Amino acid sequence: MNAIALDREIGHDTAETFDRRFSDARPTLLAICASVIGREEAQDAVQEVYVRARERIGQLRNPALFEAWLARIALNEARSIWRRHRRDPGSLPLNLVRASGSGSRDQALIELVERLPPRERACVVLHYGYGYSTHEIGRLLRVSSLNTRTILFRARRRLRRELEASDE
């Protein structure tokens, strides 16, 4: 559905409607991006999502799927940034906000999560950090909820092994 149809369906000015709905979705978009590239980089990524979505609003066929459409753009943007940083490892940011005064075991866990492959890291952070269900994560990553549970299982197993090894 194009921007005019979006305008008709909602009954407001298209730019105002877009901005309002984007603003409502912003916390989710930040969480998605932060799960892949870190909080610092997430702000810039979400701004890029805004620009891309405004340019491509005509490609949205179903206004009811606006938030899911934005989430997919956000995930693609975060992955793109991650791939660029992977080419220059020195610029790869930390992916979780470190709490001041956190214990050494908590710090070790955070560092282990940061080293997970992107898909596993995204699932772990979205599920445990932001409370997304496996079904919601599956929709964002375009995998089944069963696959999401499998990814989480493997990530937890990897984290447990690494954490136990670091305790020895």
N, C-alpha and C. Protein backbone atom coordinates (compact mmCIF):
# COMPACT_ATOMS: atom_id res chain seq x y z
N MET A 1 0.86 -1.17 0.00
CA MET A 1 0.00 0.00 0.00
C MET A 1 0.90 1.23 0.00
N ASN A 2 0.54 2.23 -0.73
CA ASN A 2 1.40 3.40 -0.84
C ASN A 2 1.09 4.42 0.25
N ALA A 3 1.84 5.52 0.24
CA ALA A 3 1.69 6.54 1.27
C ALA A 3 0.30 7.17 1.26
N ILE A 4 -0.30 7.33 0.09
CA ILE A 4 -1.64 7.91 0.01
C ILE A 4 -2.65 6.97 0.66
N ALA A 5 -2.53 5.68 0.40
CA ALA A 5 -3.44 4.72 1.02
C ALA A 5 -3.25 4.68 2.52
N LEU A 6 -1.99 4.79 2.98
CA LEU A 6 -1.72 4.85 4.41
C LEU A 6 -2.40 6.07 5.01
N ASP A 7 -2.31 7.18 4.31
CA ASP A 7 -2.95 8.42 4.74
C ASP A 7 -4.46 8.25 4.83
N ARG A 8 -5.06 7.65 3.82
CA ARG A 8 -6.51 7.46 3.80
C ARG A 8 -6.96 6.53 4.92
N GLU A 9 -6.21 5.45 5.12
CA GLU A 9 -6.62 4.49 6.13
C GLU A 9 -6.59 5.10 7.53
N ILE A 10 -5.60 5.90 7.81
CA ILE A 10 -5.46 6.46 9.15
C ILE A 10 -6.20 7.79 9.29
N GLY A 11 -6.37 8.50 8.20
CA GLY A 11 -7.15 9.72 8.23
C GLY A 11 -6.37 10.95 8.67
N HIS A 12 -5.06 10.92 8.60
CA HIS A 12 -4.22 12.05 8.99
C HIS A 12 -3.26 12.36 7.87
N ASP A 13 -2.52 13.43 8.06
CA ASP A 13 -1.44 13.76 7.14
C ASP A 13 -0.42 12.63 7.17
N THR A 14 0.04 12.19 6.02
CA THR A 14 0.95 11.06 5.93
C THR A 14 2.23 11.29 6.72
N ALA A 15 2.85 12.45 6.60
CA ALA A 15 4.10 12.73 7.31
C ALA A 15 3.87 12.68 8.82
N GLU A 16 2.80 13.25 9.28
CA GLU A 16 2.51 13.24 10.72
C GLU A 16 2.22 11.82 11.20
N THR A 17 1.47 11.07 10.42
CA THR A 17 1.15 9.69 10.78
C THR A 17 2.41 8.85 10.83
N PHE A 18 3.25 9.00 9.82
CA PHE A 18 4.51 8.26 9.77
C PHE A 18 5.35 8.59 11.00
N ASP A 19 5.52 9.87 11.28
CA ASP A 19 6.34 10.29 12.41
C ASP A 19 5.79 9.76 13.74
N ARG A 20 4.49 9.80 13.91
CA ARG A 20 3.89 9.32 15.15
C ARG A 20 4.09 7.82 15.31
N ARG A 21 3.81 7.08 14.24
CA ARG A 21 3.95 5.63 14.32
C ARG A 21 5.42 5.22 14.46
N PHE A 22 6.30 5.95 13.81
CA PHE A 22 7.73 5.66 13.95
C PHE A 22 8.17 5.93 15.39
N SER A 23 7.70 7.02 15.94
CA SER A 23 8.03 7.36 17.33
C SER A 23 7.56 6.27 18.28
N ASP A 24 6.38 5.73 18.04
CA ASP A 24 5.85 4.65 18.88
C ASP A 24 6.72 3.38 18.76
N ALA A 25 7.26 3.15 17.58
CA ALA A 25 8.05 1.94 17.33
C ALA A 25 9.52 2.12 17.71
N ARG A 26 9.94 3.33 17.95
CA ARG A 26 11.36 3.63 18.20
C ARG A 26 11.99 2.77 19.31
N PRO A 27 11.37 2.59 20.48
CA PRO A 27 12.00 1.76 21.51
C PRO A 27 12.27 0.32 21.04
N THR A 28 11.35 -0.23 20.29
CA THR A 28 11.54 -1.58 19.75
C THR A 28 12.68 -1.59 18.75
N LEU A 29 12.74 -0.59 17.90
CA LEU A 29 13.80 -0.51 16.89
C LEU A 29 15.16 -0.37 17.56
N LEU A 30 15.24 0.44 18.62
CA LEU A 30 16.49 0.58 19.36
C LEU A 30 16.91 -0.75 19.97
N ALA A 31 15.96 -1.48 20.52
CA ALA A 31 16.27 -2.78 21.12
C ALA A 31 16.79 -3.76 20.07
N ILE A 32 16.17 -3.77 18.91
CA ILE A 32 16.61 -4.66 17.84
C ILE A 32 18.03 -4.32 17.42
N CYS A 33 18.28 -3.05 17.17
CA CYS A 33 19.62 -2.64 16.72
C CYS A 33 20.66 -2.87 17.82
N ALA A 34 20.32 -2.54 19.06
CA ALA A 34 21.27 -2.71 20.17
C ALA A 34 21.63 -4.17 20.36
N SER A 35 20.70 -5.06 20.06
CA SER A 35 20.99 -6.49 20.24
C SER A 35 22.04 -6.98 19.26
N VAL A 36 22.20 -6.29 18.16
CA VAL A 36 23.17 -6.71 17.15
C VAL A 36 24.45 -5.89 17.21
N ILE A 37 24.33 -4.57 17.40
CA ILE A 37 25.51 -3.70 17.28
C ILE A 37 25.82 -2.86 18.51
N GLY A 38 25.02 -2.94 19.54
CA GLY A 38 25.30 -2.16 20.75
C GLY A 38 24.48 -0.89 20.81
N ARG A 39 24.31 -0.39 22.03
CA ARG A 39 23.46 0.79 22.25
C ARG A 39 23.98 2.05 21.57
N GLU A 40 25.28 2.24 21.61
CA GLU A 40 25.84 3.47 21.03
C GLU A 40 25.57 3.54 19.53
N GLU A 41 25.80 2.46 18.86
CA GLU A 41 25.59 2.42 17.41
C GLU A 41 24.10 2.36 17.06
N ALA A 42 23.28 1.86 17.97
CA ALA A 42 21.85 1.68 17.69
C ALA A 42 21.16 3.01 17.39
N GLN A 43 21.54 4.06 18.08
CA GLN A 43 20.92 5.37 17.84
C GLN A 43 21.09 5.79 16.38
N ASP A 44 22.31 5.66 15.88
CA ASP A 44 22.58 6.03 14.48
C ASP A 44 21.84 5.12 13.52
N ALA A 45 21.79 3.84 13.85
CA ALA A 45 21.10 2.88 12.98
C ALA A 45 19.61 3.21 12.89
N VAL A 46 18.99 3.55 14.01
CA VAL A 46 17.56 3.86 14.00
C VAL A 46 17.30 5.14 13.20
N GLN A 47 18.21 6.07 13.27
CA GLN A 47 18.05 7.28 12.45
C GLN A 47 18.10 6.93 10.97
N GLU A 48 18.98 6.01 10.61
CA GLU A 48 19.06 5.56 9.22
C GLU A 48 17.79 4.81 8.83
N VAL A 49 17.23 4.03 9.75
CA VAL A 49 15.97 3.33 9.50
C VAL A 49 14.88 4.35 9.19
N TYR A 50 14.83 5.43 9.95
CA TYR A 50 13.83 6.48 9.72
C TYR A 50 13.95 7.01 8.29
N VAL A 51 15.17 7.35 7.89
CA VAL A 51 15.38 7.92 6.55
C VAL A 51 14.98 6.91 5.48
N ARG A 52 15.42 5.68 5.62
CA ARG A 52 15.10 4.65 4.61
C ARG A 52 13.61 4.37 4.55
N ALA A 53 12.98 4.29 5.70
CA ALA A 53 11.54 4.00 5.71
C ALA A 53 10.76 5.15 5.10
N ARG A 54 11.15 6.39 5.38
CA ARG A 54 10.45 7.54 4.77
C ARG A 54 10.57 7.52 3.26
N GLU A 55 11.75 7.15 2.78
CA GLU A 55 11.97 7.08 1.34
C GLU A 55 11.16 5.95 0.70
N ARG A 56 10.95 4.86 1.44
CA ARG A 56 10.34 3.65 0.88
C ARG A 56 8.91 3.40 1.35
N ILE A 57 8.27 4.38 1.93
CA ILE A 57 6.93 4.17 2.46
C ILE A 57 5.96 3.68 1.38
N GLY A 58 6.22 4.03 0.17
CA GLY A 58 5.38 3.58 -0.94
C GLY A 58 5.44 2.08 -1.16
N GLN A 59 6.46 1.41 -0.64
CA GLN A 59 6.60 -0.03 -0.79
C GLN A 59 5.78 -0.81 0.23
N LEU A 60 5.29 -0.11 1.26
CA LEU A 60 4.50 -0.78 2.30
C LEU A 60 3.11 -1.08 1.75
N ARG A 61 2.78 -2.36 1.69
CA ARG A 61 1.50 -2.75 1.11
C ARG A 61 0.38 -2.80 2.12
N ASN A 62 0.71 -3.12 3.36
CA ASN A 62 -0.32 -3.26 4.39
C ASN A 62 0.04 -2.39 5.59
N PRO A 63 -0.64 -1.27 5.80
CA PRO A 63 -0.32 -0.36 6.91
C PRO A 63 -0.38 -1.04 8.28
N ALA A 64 -1.13 -2.10 8.40
CA ALA A 64 -1.20 -2.81 9.68
C ALA A 64 0.14 -3.46 10.03
N LEU A 65 0.98 -3.67 9.04
CA LEU A 65 2.28 -4.29 9.25
C LEU A 65 3.41 -3.26 9.33
N PHE A 66 3.07 -2.02 9.57
CA PHE A 66 4.05 -0.93 9.59
C PHE A 66 5.19 -1.22 10.57
N GLU A 67 4.87 -1.60 11.80
CA GLU A 67 5.89 -1.84 12.82
C GLU A 67 6.78 -3.02 12.45
N ALA A 68 6.20 -4.07 11.93
CA ALA A 68 7.00 -5.23 11.50
C ALA A 68 7.90 -4.86 10.33
N TRP A 69 7.39 -4.03 9.44
CA TRP A 69 8.16 -3.55 8.30
C TRP A 69 9.36 -2.75 8.80
N LEU A 70 9.13 -1.86 9.76
CA LEU A 70 10.22 -1.07 10.34
C LEU A 70 11.23 -1.97 11.04
N ALA A 71 10.74 -2.98 11.77
CA ALA A 71 11.63 -3.89 12.49
C ALA A 71 12.55 -4.62 11.52
N ARG A 72 12.00 -5.01 10.39
CA ARG A 72 12.82 -5.71 9.40
C ARG A 72 13.89 -4.79 8.82
N ILE A 73 13.52 -3.54 8.54
CA ILE A 73 14.50 -2.56 8.05
C ILE A 73 15.58 -2.36 9.11
N ALA A 74 15.19 -2.27 10.38
CA ALA A 74 16.14 -2.06 11.48
C ALA A 74 17.11 -3.24 11.59
N LEU A 75 16.60 -4.44 11.51
CA LEU A 75 17.45 -5.61 11.61
C LEU A 75 18.44 -5.66 10.45
N ASN A 76 17.96 -5.37 9.26
CA ASN A 76 18.85 -5.35 8.09
C ASN A 76 19.92 -4.27 8.23
N GLU A 77 19.55 -3.11 8.73
CA GLU A 77 20.52 -2.02 8.92
C GLU A 77 21.56 -2.41 9.96
N ALA A 78 21.13 -2.99 11.06
CA ALA A 78 22.06 -3.40 12.12
C ALA A 78 23.03 -4.47 11.60
N ARG A 79 22.52 -5.41 10.85
CA ARG A 79 23.39 -6.44 10.29
C ARG A 79 24.40 -5.84 9.32
N SER A 80 23.96 -4.88 8.55
CA SER A 80 24.86 -4.21 7.61
C SER A 80 25.98 -3.48 8.36
N ILE A 81 25.64 -2.79 9.42
CA ILE A 81 26.64 -2.10 10.23
C ILE A 81 27.59 -3.12 10.85
N TRP A 82 27.04 -4.22 11.36
CA TRP A 82 27.88 -5.24 11.97
C TRP A 82 28.88 -5.80 10.95
N ARG A 83 28.42 -6.05 9.74
CA ARG A 83 29.31 -6.58 8.70
C ARG A 83 30.42 -5.57 8.37
N ARG A 84 30.07 -4.29 8.31
CA ARG A 84 31.10 -3.26 8.06
C ARG A 84 32.13 -3.25 9.18
N HIS A 85 31.68 -3.35 10.42
CA HIS A 85 32.59 -3.35 11.56
C HIS A 85 33.44 -4.61 11.60
N ARG A 86 32.89 -5.71 11.13
CA ARG A 86 33.64 -6.95 11.14
C ARG A 86 34.87 -6.84 10.25
N ARG A 87 34.75 -6.05 9.19
CA ARG A 87 35.91 -5.83 8.32
C ARG A 87 36.98 -5.02 9.03
N ASP A 88 36.56 -4.20 10.01
CA ASP A 88 37.47 -3.37 10.81
C ASP A 88 37.22 -3.69 12.28
N PRO A 89 37.77 -4.81 12.79
CA PRO A 89 37.42 -5.29 14.13
C PRO A 89 37.69 -4.28 15.24
N GLY A 90 38.62 -3.39 15.06
CA GLY A 90 38.91 -2.40 16.09
C GLY A 90 37.77 -1.44 16.34
N SER A 91 36.86 -1.33 15.38
CA SER A 91 35.76 -0.39 15.54
C SER A 91 34.47 -1.05 16.02
N LEU A 92 34.51 -2.37 16.26
CA LEU A 92 33.30 -3.07 16.71
C LEU A 92 32.97 -2.67 18.13
N PRO A 93 31.79 -2.09 18.36
CA PRO A 93 31.43 -1.62 19.70
C PRO A 93 31.01 -2.77 20.60
N LEU A 94 30.96 -2.48 21.88
CA LEU A 94 30.43 -3.45 22.83
C LEU A 94 28.93 -3.50 22.64
N ASN A 95 28.35 -4.65 22.79
CA ASN A 95 26.94 -4.81 22.49
C ASN A 95 26.00 -4.73 23.67
N LEU A 96 26.52 -4.71 24.85
CA LEU A 96 25.67 -4.57 26.01
C LEU A 96 26.20 -3.43 26.86
N VAL A 97 25.30 -2.71 27.47
CA VAL A 97 25.71 -1.64 28.35
C VAL A 97 26.26 -2.27 29.61
N ARG A 98 27.45 -1.88 29.97
CA ARG A 98 28.05 -2.43 31.17
C ARG A 98 27.56 -1.64 32.37
N ALA A 99 27.04 -2.35 33.32
CA ALA A 99 26.57 -1.70 34.53
C ALA A 99 27.78 -1.43 35.42
N SER A 100 27.86 -0.21 35.92
CA SER A 100 28.97 0.10 36.79
C SER A 100 28.81 -0.68 38.09
N GLY A 101 29.91 -1.22 38.55
CA GLY A 101 29.87 -1.99 39.79
C GLY A 101 29.40 -3.42 39.61
N SER A 102 29.25 -3.88 38.37
CA SER A 102 28.81 -5.27 38.20
C SER A 102 29.94 -6.20 38.58
N GLY A 103 29.60 -7.37 39.07
CA GLY A 103 30.59 -8.33 39.51
C GLY A 103 31.40 -8.88 38.37
N SER A 104 32.52 -9.51 38.70
CA SER A 104 33.39 -10.03 37.66
C SER A 104 32.70 -11.14 36.86
N ARG A 105 31.85 -11.95 37.53
CA ARG A 105 31.13 -13.01 36.82
C ARG A 105 30.13 -12.39 35.85
N ASP A 106 29.42 -11.32 36.27
CA ASP A 106 28.50 -10.63 35.38
C ASP A 106 29.25 -10.04 34.20
N GLN A 107 30.40 -9.45 34.48
CA GLN A 107 31.21 -8.86 33.42
C GLN A 107 31.67 -9.93 32.44
N ALA A 108 32.05 -11.08 32.96
CA ALA A 108 32.48 -12.17 32.10
C ALA A 108 31.34 -12.64 31.21
N LEU A 109 30.13 -12.73 31.77
CA LEU A 109 28.97 -13.15 30.99
C LEU A 109 28.68 -12.13 29.88
N ILE A 110 28.75 -10.87 30.22
CA ILE A 110 28.52 -9.82 29.21
C ILE A 110 29.53 -9.95 28.08
N GLU A 111 30.78 -10.16 28.42
CA GLU A 111 31.81 -10.30 27.39
C GLU A 111 31.58 -11.54 26.53
N LEU A 112 31.12 -12.61 27.15
CA LEU A 112 30.82 -13.83 26.39
C LEU A 112 29.65 -13.60 25.43
N VAL A 113 28.62 -12.91 25.88
CA VAL A 113 27.47 -12.61 25.01
C VAL A 113 27.93 -11.76 23.84
N GLU A 114 28.83 -10.82 24.10
CA GLU A 114 29.33 -9.96 23.02
C GLU A 114 30.08 -10.74 21.95
N ARG A 115 30.65 -11.87 22.33
CA ARG A 115 31.42 -12.67 21.38
C ARG A 115 30.58 -13.69 20.63
N LEU A 116 29.32 -13.83 20.98
CA LEU A 116 28.45 -14.77 20.27
C LEU A 116 28.30 -14.34 18.81
N PRO A 117 28.04 -15.28 17.92
CA PRO A 117 27.72 -14.91 16.54
C PRO A 117 26.49 -14.00 16.52
N PRO A 118 26.34 -13.15 15.53
CA PRO A 118 25.27 -12.13 15.51
C PRO A 118 23.87 -12.69 15.75
N ARG A 119 23.52 -13.78 15.10
CA ARG A 119 22.15 -14.30 15.24
C ARG A 119 21.91 -14.79 16.67
N GLU A 120 22.89 -15.49 17.23
CA GLU A 120 22.75 -15.96 18.61
C GLU A 120 22.71 -14.78 19.58
N ARG A 121 23.59 -13.82 19.37
CA ARG A 121 23.63 -12.63 20.23
C ARG A 121 22.30 -11.89 20.17
N ALA A 122 21.76 -11.71 18.97
CA ALA A 122 20.48 -11.01 18.82
C ALA A 122 19.37 -11.75 19.57
N CYS A 123 19.33 -13.07 19.42
CA CYS A 123 18.29 -13.84 20.11
C CYS A 123 18.43 -13.72 21.62
N VAL A 124 19.64 -13.88 22.14
CA VAL A 124 19.86 -13.81 23.58
C VAL A 124 19.48 -12.44 24.13
N VAL A 125 19.95 -11.40 23.48
CA VAL A 125 19.69 -10.05 24.00
C VAL A 125 18.22 -9.68 23.87
N LEU A 126 17.61 -10.00 22.74
CA LEU A 126 16.18 -9.69 22.58
C LEU A 126 15.32 -10.48 23.56
N HIS A 127 15.66 -11.74 23.79
CA HIS A 127 14.86 -12.58 24.67
C HIS A 127 15.09 -12.26 26.15
N TYR A 128 16.35 -12.28 26.58
CA TYR A 128 16.64 -12.10 28.00
C TYR A 128 16.79 -10.64 28.39
N GLY A 129 17.27 -9.83 27.47
CA GLY A 129 17.47 -8.42 27.80
C GLY A 129 16.22 -7.57 27.63
N TYR A 130 15.41 -7.90 26.62
CA TYR A 130 14.26 -7.06 26.31
C TYR A 130 12.93 -7.78 26.44
N GLY A 131 12.96 -9.07 26.74
CA GLY A 131 11.74 -9.80 27.01
C GLY A 131 10.90 -10.20 25.81
N TYR A 132 11.49 -10.22 24.62
CA TYR A 132 10.74 -10.66 23.44
C TYR A 132 10.51 -12.16 23.53
N SER A 133 9.37 -12.61 23.05
CA SER A 133 9.08 -14.04 23.00
C SER A 133 9.82 -14.66 21.82
N THR A 134 9.93 -15.99 21.84
CA THR A 134 10.60 -16.66 20.73
C THR A 134 9.80 -16.47 19.42
N HIS A 135 8.50 -16.37 19.55
CA HIS A 135 7.67 -16.13 18.36
C HIS A 135 7.98 -14.74 17.78
N GLU A 136 8.08 -13.73 18.62
CA GLU A 136 8.37 -12.37 18.15
C GLU A 136 9.77 -12.29 17.54
N ILE A 137 10.72 -12.93 18.18
CA ILE A 137 12.09 -12.93 17.65
C ILE A 137 12.13 -13.66 16.31
N GLY A 138 11.41 -14.76 16.22
CA GLY A 138 11.35 -15.50 14.96
C GLY A 138 10.81 -14.65 13.83
N ARG A 139 9.76 -13.87 14.11
CA ARG A 139 9.21 -12.99 13.08
C ARG A 139 10.24 -11.95 12.65
N LEU A 140 10.97 -11.39 13.61
CA LEU A 140 11.98 -10.37 13.29
C LEU A 140 13.12 -10.95 12.46
N LEU A 141 13.55 -12.15 12.82
CA LEU A 141 14.67 -12.77 12.13
C LEU A 141 14.26 -13.60 10.92
N ARG A 142 12.94 -13.71 10.73
CA ARG A 142 12.37 -14.51 9.64
C ARG A 142 12.79 -15.97 9.72
N VAL A 143 12.65 -16.48 10.94
CA VAL A 143 12.85 -17.91 11.17
C VAL A 143 11.67 -18.38 12.01
N SER A 144 11.49 -19.67 12.10
CA SER A 144 10.38 -20.19 12.90
C SER A 144 10.68 -20.00 14.38
N SER A 145 9.64 -20.05 15.20
CA SER A 145 9.86 -19.94 16.63
C SER A 145 10.62 -21.16 17.13
N LEU A 146 10.44 -22.31 16.49
CA LEU A 146 11.22 -23.50 16.84
C LEU A 146 12.70 -23.26 16.58
N ASN A 147 13.02 -22.66 15.45
CA ASN A 147 14.40 -22.34 15.12
C ASN A 147 14.96 -21.33 16.13
N THR A 148 14.14 -20.37 16.52
CA THR A 148 14.58 -19.39 17.52
C THR A 148 14.92 -20.09 18.83
N ARG A 149 14.07 -21.02 19.25
CA ARG A 149 14.36 -21.77 20.48
C ARG A 149 15.65 -22.57 20.35
N THR A 150 15.89 -23.12 19.17
CA THR A 150 17.12 -23.87 18.93
C THR A 150 18.34 -22.95 19.02
N ILE A 151 18.23 -21.78 18.42
CA ILE A 151 19.32 -20.81 18.48
C ILE A 151 19.60 -20.41 19.93
N LEU A 152 18.53 -20.16 20.69
CA LEU A 152 18.70 -19.81 22.11
C LEU A 152 19.33 -20.96 22.89
N PHE A 153 18.90 -22.17 22.61
CA PHE A 153 19.47 -23.34 23.29
C PHE A 153 20.97 -23.42 23.03
N ARG A 154 21.37 -23.29 21.78
CA ARG A 154 22.79 -23.37 21.43
C ARG A 154 23.58 -22.24 22.06
N ALA A 155 23.00 -21.05 22.06
CA ALA A 155 23.68 -19.90 22.67
C ALA A 155 23.86 -20.10 24.17
N ARG A 156 22.81 -20.58 24.84
CA ARG A 156 22.91 -20.84 26.29
C ARG A 156 23.95 -21.91 26.58
N ARG A 157 23.95 -22.96 25.77
CA ARG A 157 24.93 -24.04 25.96
C ARG A 157 26.35 -23.51 25.78
N ARG A 158 26.55 -22.69 24.75
CA ARG A 158 27.87 -22.11 24.49
C ARG A 158 28.28 -21.19 25.64
N LEU A 159 27.35 -20.36 26.10
CA LEU A 159 27.64 -19.45 27.20
C LEU A 159 27.97 -20.22 28.48
N ARG A 160 27.20 -21.27 28.76
CA ARG A 160 27.44 -22.07 29.97
C ARG A 160 28.83 -22.70 29.92
N ARG A 161 29.18 -23.30 28.78
CA ARG A 161 30.50 -23.93 28.65
C ARG A 161 31.62 -22.91 28.85
N GLU A 162 31.48 -21.78 28.19
CA GLU A 162 32.52 -20.75 28.27
C GLU A 162 32.62 -20.16 29.68
N LEU A 163 31.48 -19.95 30.33
CA LEU A 163 31.48 -19.40 31.67
C LEU A 163 32.08 -20.39 32.66
N GLU A 164 31.73 -21.67 32.52
CA GLU A 164 32.31 -22.69 33.39
C GLU A 164 33.83 -22.81 33.16
N ALA A 165 34.25 -22.71 31.91
CA ALA A 165 35.68 -22.79 31.60
C ALA A 165 36.43 -21.59 32.21
N SER A 166 35.79 -20.43 32.21
CA SER A 166 36.45 -19.24 32.76
C SER A 166 36.50 -19.29 34.29
N ASP A 167 35.62 -20.07 34.93
CA ASP A 167 35.61 -20.20 36.38
C ASP A 167 36.73 -21.13 36.87
N GLU A 168 37.20 -22.00 35.99
CA GLU A 168 38.22 -22.98 36.39
C GLU A 168 39.59 -22.36 36.51
